C-alpha atoms as a PDB file:
ATOM      1  CA  MET A   1       0.054  -0.084   0.076  1.00  0.00           C
ATOM      2  CA  SER A   2       2.798   2.501   1.009  1.00  0.00           C
ATOM      3  CA  ARG A   3       4.839   1.762  -2.289  1.00  0.00           C
ATOM      4  CA  LEU A   4       1.548   2.461  -4.124  1.00  0.00           C
ATOM      5  CA  LEU A   5       1.119   5.655  -2.565  1.00  0.00           C
ATOM      6  CA  SER A   6       4.964   6.816  -2.879  1.00  0.00           C
ATOM      7  CA  THR A   7       4.619   5.881  -6.681  1.00  0.00           C
ATOM      8  CA  SER A   8       1.499   7.988  -6.962  1.00  0.00           C
ATOM      9  CA  ILE A   9       2.877  11.009  -4.886  1.00  0.00           C
ATOM     10  CA  ALA A  10       6.200  10.669  -7.082  1.00  0.00           C
ATOM     11  CA  ALA A  11       3.963  10.490 -10.343  1.00  0.00           C
ATOM     12  CA  LEU A  12       2.164  13.684  -8.952  1.00  0.00           C
ATOM     13  CA  CYS A  13       5.340  15.445  -8.311  1.00  0.00           C
ATOM     14  CA  ILE A  14       6.878  14.787 -11.645  1.00  0.00           C
ATOM     15  CA  ALA A  15       3.802  15.881 -13.398  1.00  0.00           C
ATOM     16  CA  ALA A  16       3.532  19.043 -11.460  1.00  0.00           C
ATOM     17  CA  ASN A  17       7.268  19.711 -11.539  1.00  0.00           C
ATOM     18  CA  VAL A  18       7.023  20.968  -8.088  1.00  0.00           C
ATOM     19  CA  CYS A  19       9.236  18.365  -6.444  1.00  0.00           C
ATOM     20  CA  LEU A  20      11.704  19.074  -9.358  1.00  0.00           C
ATOM     21  CA  GLY A  21      11.921  22.782  -8.419  1.00  0.00           C
ATOM     22  CA  GLN A  22      11.065  23.736 -11.799  1.00  0.00           C
ATOM     23  CA  SER A  23       8.686  26.696 -12.505  1.00  0.00           C
ATOM     24  CA  PRO A  24       6.037  26.508 -15.032  1.00  0.00           C
ATOM     25  CA  ARG A  25       7.083  28.089 -18.424  1.00  0.00           C
ATOM     26  CA  PRO A  26       4.872  29.795 -21.145  1.00  0.00           C
ATOM     27  CA  ALA A  27       4.088  27.894 -24.257  1.00  0.00           C
ATOM     28  CA  PRO A  28       6.620  28.498 -27.076  1.00  0.00           C
ATOM     29  CA  ALA A  29       3.733  30.196 -29.117  1.00  0.00           C
ATOM     30  CA  MET A  30       3.226  32.767 -26.419  1.00  0.00           C
ATOM     31  CA  VAL A  31       6.964  33.460 -26.234  1.00  0.00           C
ATOM     32  CA  SER A  32       7.194  34.146 -29.875  1.00  0.00           C
ATOM     33  CA  LEU A  33       4.091  35.997 -30.316  1.00  0.00           C
ATOM     34  CA  THR A  34       4.973  38.295 -27.110  1.00  0.00           C
ATOM     35  CA  LYS A  35       8.605  38.738 -28.754  1.00  0.00           C
ATOM     36  CA  ALA A  36       7.147  39.743 -31.814  1.00  0.00           C
ATOM     37  CA  LEU A  37       4.619  42.328 -30.725  1.00  0.00           C
ATOM     38  CA  ALA A  38       5.601  43.718 -27.451  1.00  0.00           C
ATOM     39  CA  GLY A  39       6.286  47.400 -27.447  1.00  0.00           C
ATOM     40  CA  THR A  40       4.588  50.817 -27.813  1.00  0.00           C
ATOM     41  CA  TRP A  41       3.352  51.330 -31.242  1.00  0.00           C
ATOM     42  CA  THR A  42       1.824  54.421 -33.080  1.00  0.00           C
ATOM     43  CA  THR A  43      -1.156  53.306 -35.331  1.00  0.00           C
ATOM     44  CA  THR A  44      -2.802  54.625 -38.604  1.00  0.00           C
ATOM     45  CA  TYR A  45      -5.931  52.935 -39.730  1.00  0.00           C
ATOM     46  CA  ASP A  46      -7.843  53.691 -42.975  1.00  0.00           C
ATOM     47  CA  THR A  47     -11.394  52.496 -42.248  1.00  0.00           C
ATOM     48  CA  PHE A  48     -14.012  51.440 -44.756  1.00  0.00           C
ATOM     49  CA  ILE A  49     -17.111  51.346 -43.263  1.00  0.00           C
ATOM     50  CA  PRO A  50     -19.948  50.768 -45.471  1.00  0.00           C
ATOM     51  CA  ASP A  51     -23.079  52.898 -45.210  1.00  0.00           C
ATOM     52  CA  VAL A  52     -21.227  55.640 -42.907  1.00  0.00           C
ATOM     53  CA  PRO A  53     -20.358  58.764 -44.748  1.00  0.00           C
ATOM     54  CA  THR A  54     -17.367  60.488 -43.091  1.00  0.00           C
ATOM     55  CA  THR A  55     -14.946  63.067 -44.461  1.00  0.00           C
ATOM     56  CA  ASP A  56     -12.260  61.637 -42.857  1.00  0.00           C
ATOM     57  CA  THR A  57     -11.637  57.784 -42.726  1.00  0.00           C
ATOM     58  CA  THR A  58      -8.265  57.893 -41.148  1.00  0.00           C
ATOM     59  CA  ALA A  59      -7.853  56.633 -37.437  1.00  0.00           C
ATOM     60  CA  ARG A  60      -4.876  57.288 -35.253  1.00  0.00           C
ATOM     61  CA  GLY A  61      -3.667  55.858 -32.125  1.00  0.00           C
ATOM     62  CA  GLU A  62      -1.305  54.078 -29.970  1.00  0.00           C
ATOM     63  CA  VAL A  63      -1.145  50.409 -28.870  1.00  0.00           C
ATOM     64  CA  VAL A  64       0.686  48.736 -26.213  1.00  0.00           C
ATOM     65  CA  TRP A  65       1.400  45.099 -26.320  1.00  0.00           C
ATOM     66  CA  GLU A  66       2.876  43.660 -22.984  1.00  0.00           C
ATOM     67  CA  ALA A  67       3.629  40.614 -21.301  1.00  0.00           C
ATOM     68  CA  GLY A  68       1.432  39.674 -18.440  1.00  0.00           C
ATOM     69  CA  PRO A  69       2.935  38.028 -15.218  1.00  0.00           C
ATOM     70  CA  GLY A  70       5.297  35.309 -16.002  1.00  0.00           C
ATOM     71  CA  GLY A  71       4.842  35.684 -19.952  1.00  0.00           C
ATOM     72  CA  PHE A  72       1.594  33.506 -19.546  1.00  0.00           C
ATOM     73  CA  THR A  73      -0.679  36.149 -21.285  1.00  0.00           C
ATOM     74  CA  LEU A  74      -0.040  38.821 -23.793  1.00  0.00           C
ATOM     75  CA  LEU A  75      -2.261  42.060 -23.257  1.00  0.00           C
ATOM     76  CA  GLU A  76      -3.116  44.590 -26.092  1.00  0.00           C
ATOM     77  CA  LYS A  77      -4.109  48.031 -24.871  1.00  0.00           C
ATOM     78  CA  GLU A  78      -5.266  50.350 -28.005  1.00  0.00           C
ATOM     79  CA  HIS A  79      -6.623  53.909 -27.839  1.00  0.00           C
ATOM     80  CA  VAL A  80      -7.594  55.095 -31.284  1.00  0.00           C
ATOM     81  CA  SER A  81      -9.304  58.440 -32.085  1.00  0.00           C
ATOM     82  CA  THR A  82     -11.783  57.994 -35.210  1.00  0.00           C
ATOM     83  CA  ALA A  83     -14.185  60.713 -36.867  1.00  0.00           C
ATOM     84  CA  SER A  84     -16.983  58.766 -34.932  1.00  0.00           C
ATOM     85  CA  GLY A  85     -15.168  58.970 -31.576  1.00  0.00           C
ATOM     86  CA  GLU A  86     -12.563  57.662 -29.270  1.00  0.00           C
ATOM     87  CA  GLN A  87     -12.246  53.882 -29.363  1.00  0.00           C
ATOM     88  CA  PHE A  88     -10.429  51.881 -26.313  1.00  0.00           C
ATOM     89  CA  LEU A  89      -9.779  48.273 -26.484  1.00  0.00           C
ATOM     90  CA  LEU A  90      -8.160  45.727 -24.213  1.00  0.00           C
ATOM     91  CA  MET A  91      -7.501  41.993 -25.393  1.00  0.00           C
ATOM     92  CA  ILE A  92      -6.041  39.248 -23.366  1.00  0.00           C
ATOM     93  CA  VAL A  93      -4.508  36.340 -25.073  1.00  0.00           C
ATOM     94  CA  TRP A  94      -3.130  33.435 -23.332  1.00  0.00           C
ATOM     95  CA  TRP A  95      -2.265  29.838 -24.373  1.00  0.00           C
ATOM     96  CA  ASP A  96      -4.916  27.089 -23.442  1.00  0.00           C
ATOM     97  CA  ASP A  97      -3.358  23.909 -22.561  1.00  0.00           C
ATOM     98  CA  SER A  98      -6.323  21.819 -22.682  1.00  0.00           C
ATOM     99  CA  THR A  99      -6.942  22.751 -26.224  1.00  0.00           C
ATOM    100  CA  HIS A 100      -3.355  23.183 -27.246  1.00  0.00           C
ATOM    101  CA  ARG A 101      -4.167  26.697 -28.875  1.00  0.00           C
ATOM    102  CA  LEU A 102      -4.409  30.395 -28.356  1.00  0.00           C
ATOM    103  CA  ARG A 103      -7.381  32.074 -26.734  1.00  0.00           C
ATOM    104  CA  ALA A 104      -8.487  35.705 -26.186  1.00  0.00           C
ATOM    105  CA  MET A 105     -10.874  37.860 -24.707  1.00  0.00           C
ATOM    106  CA  ARG A 106     -11.566  41.356 -25.939  1.00  0.00           C
ATOM    107  CA  CYS A 107     -13.038  44.312 -24.100  1.00  0.00           C
ATOM    108  CA  ASP A 108     -13.925  47.417 -25.999  1.00  0.00           C
ATOM    109  CA  ASN A 109     -16.389  50.378 -25.952  1.00  0.00           C
ATOM    110  CA  SER A 110     -17.869  49.675 -29.230  1.00  0.00           C
ATOM    111  CA  SER A 111     -21.070  48.052 -27.898  1.00  0.00           C
ATOM    112  CA  ALA A 112     -23.155  47.328 -24.973  1.00  0.00           C
ATOM    113  CA  GLU A 113     -21.453  44.106 -24.325  1.00  0.00           C
ATOM    114  CA  ALA A 114     -18.099  46.002 -23.429  1.00  0.00           C
ATOM    115  CA  CYS A 115     -16.182  42.807 -22.257  1.00  0.00           C
ATOM    116  CA  ASP A 116     -17.645  39.865 -23.999  1.00  0.00           C
ATOM    117  CA  VAL A 117     -16.628  36.713 -21.442  1.00  0.00           C
ATOM    118  CA  THR A 118     -18.005  34.286 -24.053  1.00  0.00           C
ATOM    119  CA  SER A 119     -15.393  35.670 -26.803  1.00  0.00           C
ATOM    120  CA  PRO A 120     -12.782  32.848 -25.916  1.00  0.00           C
ATOM    121  CA  ALA A 121     -15.295  30.442 -26.857  1.00  0.00           C
ATOM    122  CA  ASN A 122     -16.241  32.365 -30.018  1.00  0.00           C
ATOM    123  CA  SER A 123     -12.781  33.140 -30.962  1.00  0.00           C
ATOM    124  CA  THR A 124      -9.943  31.121 -33.096  1.00  0.00           C
ATOM    125  CA  LEU A 125      -6.545  32.458 -32.980  1.00  0.00           C
ATOM    126  CA  SER A 126      -3.463  31.084 -34.767  1.00  0.00           C
ATOM    127  CA  TRP A 127       0.254  32.387 -34.785  1.00  0.00           C
ATOM    128  CA  ASP A 128       2.628  30.853 -37.401  1.00  0.00           C
ATOM    129  CA  GLY A 129       5.741  33.092 -36.305  1.00  0.00           C
ATOM    130  CA  LYS A 130       5.031  35.493 -39.173  1.00  0.00           C
ATOM    131  CA  SER A 131       1.203  36.443 -38.815  1.00  0.00           C
ATOM    132  CA  PHE A 132      -1.093  36.761 -36.048  1.00  0.00           C
ATOM    133  CA  VAL A 133      -4.693  35.884 -37.034  1.00  0.00           C
ATOM    134  CA  LEU A 134      -7.969  36.588 -34.889  1.00  0.00           C
ATOM    135  CA  ASP A 135     -11.329  35.308 -35.956  1.00  0.00           C
ATOM    136  CA  PHE A 136     -14.247  35.761 -33.647  1.00  0.00           C
ATOM    137  CA  GLY A 137     -17.864  35.815 -33.991  1.00  0.00           C
ATOM    138  CA  PHE A 138     -20.544  38.466 -32.394  1.00  0.00           C
ATOM    139  CA  ALA A 139     -24.119  39.536 -32.796  1.00  0.00           C
ATOM    140  CA  ALA A 140     -24.947  42.926 -34.305  1.00  0.00           C
ATOM    141  CA  GLY A 141     -28.541  44.037 -35.175  1.00  0.00           C
ATOM    142  CA  GLY A 142     -29.802  40.857 -34.718  1.00  0.00           C
ATOM    143  CA  ARG A 143     -27.498  39.111 -37.148  1.00  0.00           C
ATOM    144  CA  GLN A 144     -24.440  36.610 -36.149  1.00  0.00           C
ATOM    145  CA  MET A 145     -21.423  38.244 -37.431  1.00  0.00           C
ATOM    146  CA  ARG A 146     -17.819  37.510 -37.926  1.00  0.00           C
ATOM    147  CA  TRP A 147     -14.643  39.386 -37.674  1.00  0.00           C
ATOM    148  CA  HIS A 148     -11.354  38.475 -39.335  1.00  0.00           C
ATOM    149  CA  GLY A 149      -8.079  40.393 -38.122  1.00  0.00           C
ATOM    150  CA  VAL A 150      -4.556  39.550 -39.508  1.00  0.00           C
ATOM    151  CA  TRP A 151      -1.400  41.320 -38.172  1.00  0.00           C
ATOM    152  CA  SER A 152       1.378  40.495 -40.765  1.00  0.00           C
ATOM    153  CA  ASN A 153       4.620  41.881 -42.070  1.00  0.00           C
ATOM    154  CA  ILE A 154       5.732  41.966 -38.379  1.00  0.00           C
ATOM    155  CA  THR A 155       9.175  43.538 -38.052  1.00  0.00           C
ATOM    156  CA  ALA A 156      11.197  44.959 -35.183  1.00  0.00           C
ATOM    157  CA  ALA A 157      10.077  48.300 -36.371  1.00  0.00           C
ATOM    158  CA  SER A 158       6.347  48.085 -37.728  1.00  0.00           C
ATOM    159  CA  PHE A 159       3.530  45.646 -38.661  1.00  0.00           C
ATOM    160  CA  THR A 160       0.349  45.659 -40.782  1.00  0.00           C
ATOM    161  CA  GLU A 161      -3.026  44.908 -39.623  1.00  0.00           C
ATOM    162  CA  THR A 162      -6.254  44.252 -41.541  1.00  0.00           C
ATOM    163  CA  GLY A 163      -9.678  43.702 -40.656  1.00  0.00           C
ATOM    164  CA  ASP A 164     -12.787  42.089 -42.446  1.00  0.00           C
ATOM    165  CA  VAL A 165     -16.210  41.772 -41.318  1.00  0.00           C
ATOM    166  CA  GLY A 166     -19.362  40.279 -42.571  1.00  0.00           C
ATOM    167  CA  GLU A 167     -22.196  37.847 -41.707  1.00  0.00           C
ATOM    168  CA  ALA A 168     -21.290  34.514 -40.177  1.00  0.00           C
ATOM    169  CA  LYS A 169     -21.825  32.438 -43.267  1.00  0.00           C
ATOM    170  CA  GLY A 170     -21.420  35.284 -45.670  1.00  0.00           C
ATOM    171  CA  THR A 171     -18.682  36.899 -47.673  1.00  0.00           C
ATOM    172  CA  LEU A 172     -16.249  39.032 -45.725  1.00  0.00           C
ATOM    173  CA  LYS A 173     -15.562  42.788 -46.436  1.00  0.00           C
ATOM    174  CA  ARG A 174     -12.349  44.768 -45.895  1.00  0.00           C
ATOM    175  CA  VAL A 175     -13.249  47.470 -43.420  1.00  0.00           C
ATOM    176  CA  LEU A 176      -9.739  48.220 -41.972  1.00  0.00           C
ATOM    177  CA  ARG A 177      -6.161  48.693 -43.039  1.00  0.00           C
ATOM    178  CA  GLY A 178      -3.603  49.788 -40.690  1.00  0.00           C
ATOM    179  CA  HIS A 179       0.079  50.304 -40.169  1.00  0.00           C
ATOM    180  CA  ALA A 180       1.747  50.447 -36.767  1.00  0.00           C
ATOM    181  CA  THR A 181       5.315  51.749 -36.109  1.00  0.00           C
ATOM    182  CA  ARG A 182       7.105  51.021 -33.001  1.00  0.00           C
ATOM    183  CA  VAL A 183       7.618  53.967 -30.744  1.00  0.00           C
ATOM    184  CA  ALA A 184      11.529  54.458 -29.617  1.00  0.00           C
ATOM    185  CA  HIS A 185      11.984  54.466 -25.900  1.00  0.00           C
ATOM    186  CA  ALA A 186      14.546  56.772 -24.760  1.00  0.00           C
ATOM    187  CA  SER A 187      17.414  55.072 -23.225  1.00  0.00           C
ATOM    188  CA  ARG A 188      18.321  55.703 -19.519  1.00  0.00           C
ATOM    189  CA  ASP A 189      21.462  57.327 -20.270  1.00  0.00           C
ATOM    190  CA  SER A 190      19.704  59.912 -22.658  1.00  0.00           C
ATOM    191  CA  LEU A 191      17.056  60.909 -19.934  1.00  0.00           C
ATOM    192  CA  PRO A 192      17.407  64.200 -18.182  1.00  0.00           C
ATOM    193  CA  ALA A 193      18.585  64.157 -14.825  1.00  0.00           C
ATOM    194  CA  HIS A 194      16.319  65.498 -12.110  1.00  0.00           C
END
C-alpha cells in the first residue's frame, strides 16, 4: 500500500514539476508572439465602413502590447481616435493547455457588451511565427457576424493590420487597413537628470 502511495505521489510531483523545483513556463507560441509584438506602437488606420459617410476615414492611435505576469498572457491595450469618436480596446491572449491553442478575450467600448466573456469560446487564433490571425463571432443588429483580423509583415519596427467583417456565413469585406510603427523608447542614459 505504501509503495503504491509513494509511486502516486512521485508521479504527481513529476507531473507538476513541484518536486523537481521547476517553474512552469509559458508555451513557446506565447513566447514567440510576445517577442514579436511587445512594445508601444503608433497606429494609423484607413477605415472602410459601409453606409457611414465621413470626410475623414483615417484613424490614429497608440497600441501597447505587453507580457502579463510570467509571460503567460499577452495584453493589447489600444486607444484610437476616429471620426466617430474615441475607441478603447483591451485584449488578453493566452495559451490554453487543454486545447493546445491560443485563446483571447476582448473588451472595448464599441457596443453595450463591453467585455464579452464568451469571446474565448467564439474566437479562433493562430500564430505561425509571421502572422497573428484572430477570428471571432459576434451579434450585431440581430445578425450573427464574423470578424477576421490579421497582423502581418511584423518586423522590429512595424507591422500591418487588416480587418474584415461580414455575416457569419457570408462573404467578408475589408473594413480596416492599418500600419503600426514602433515607438522608440529613450535609453536611461539619454533621460534628463532631475
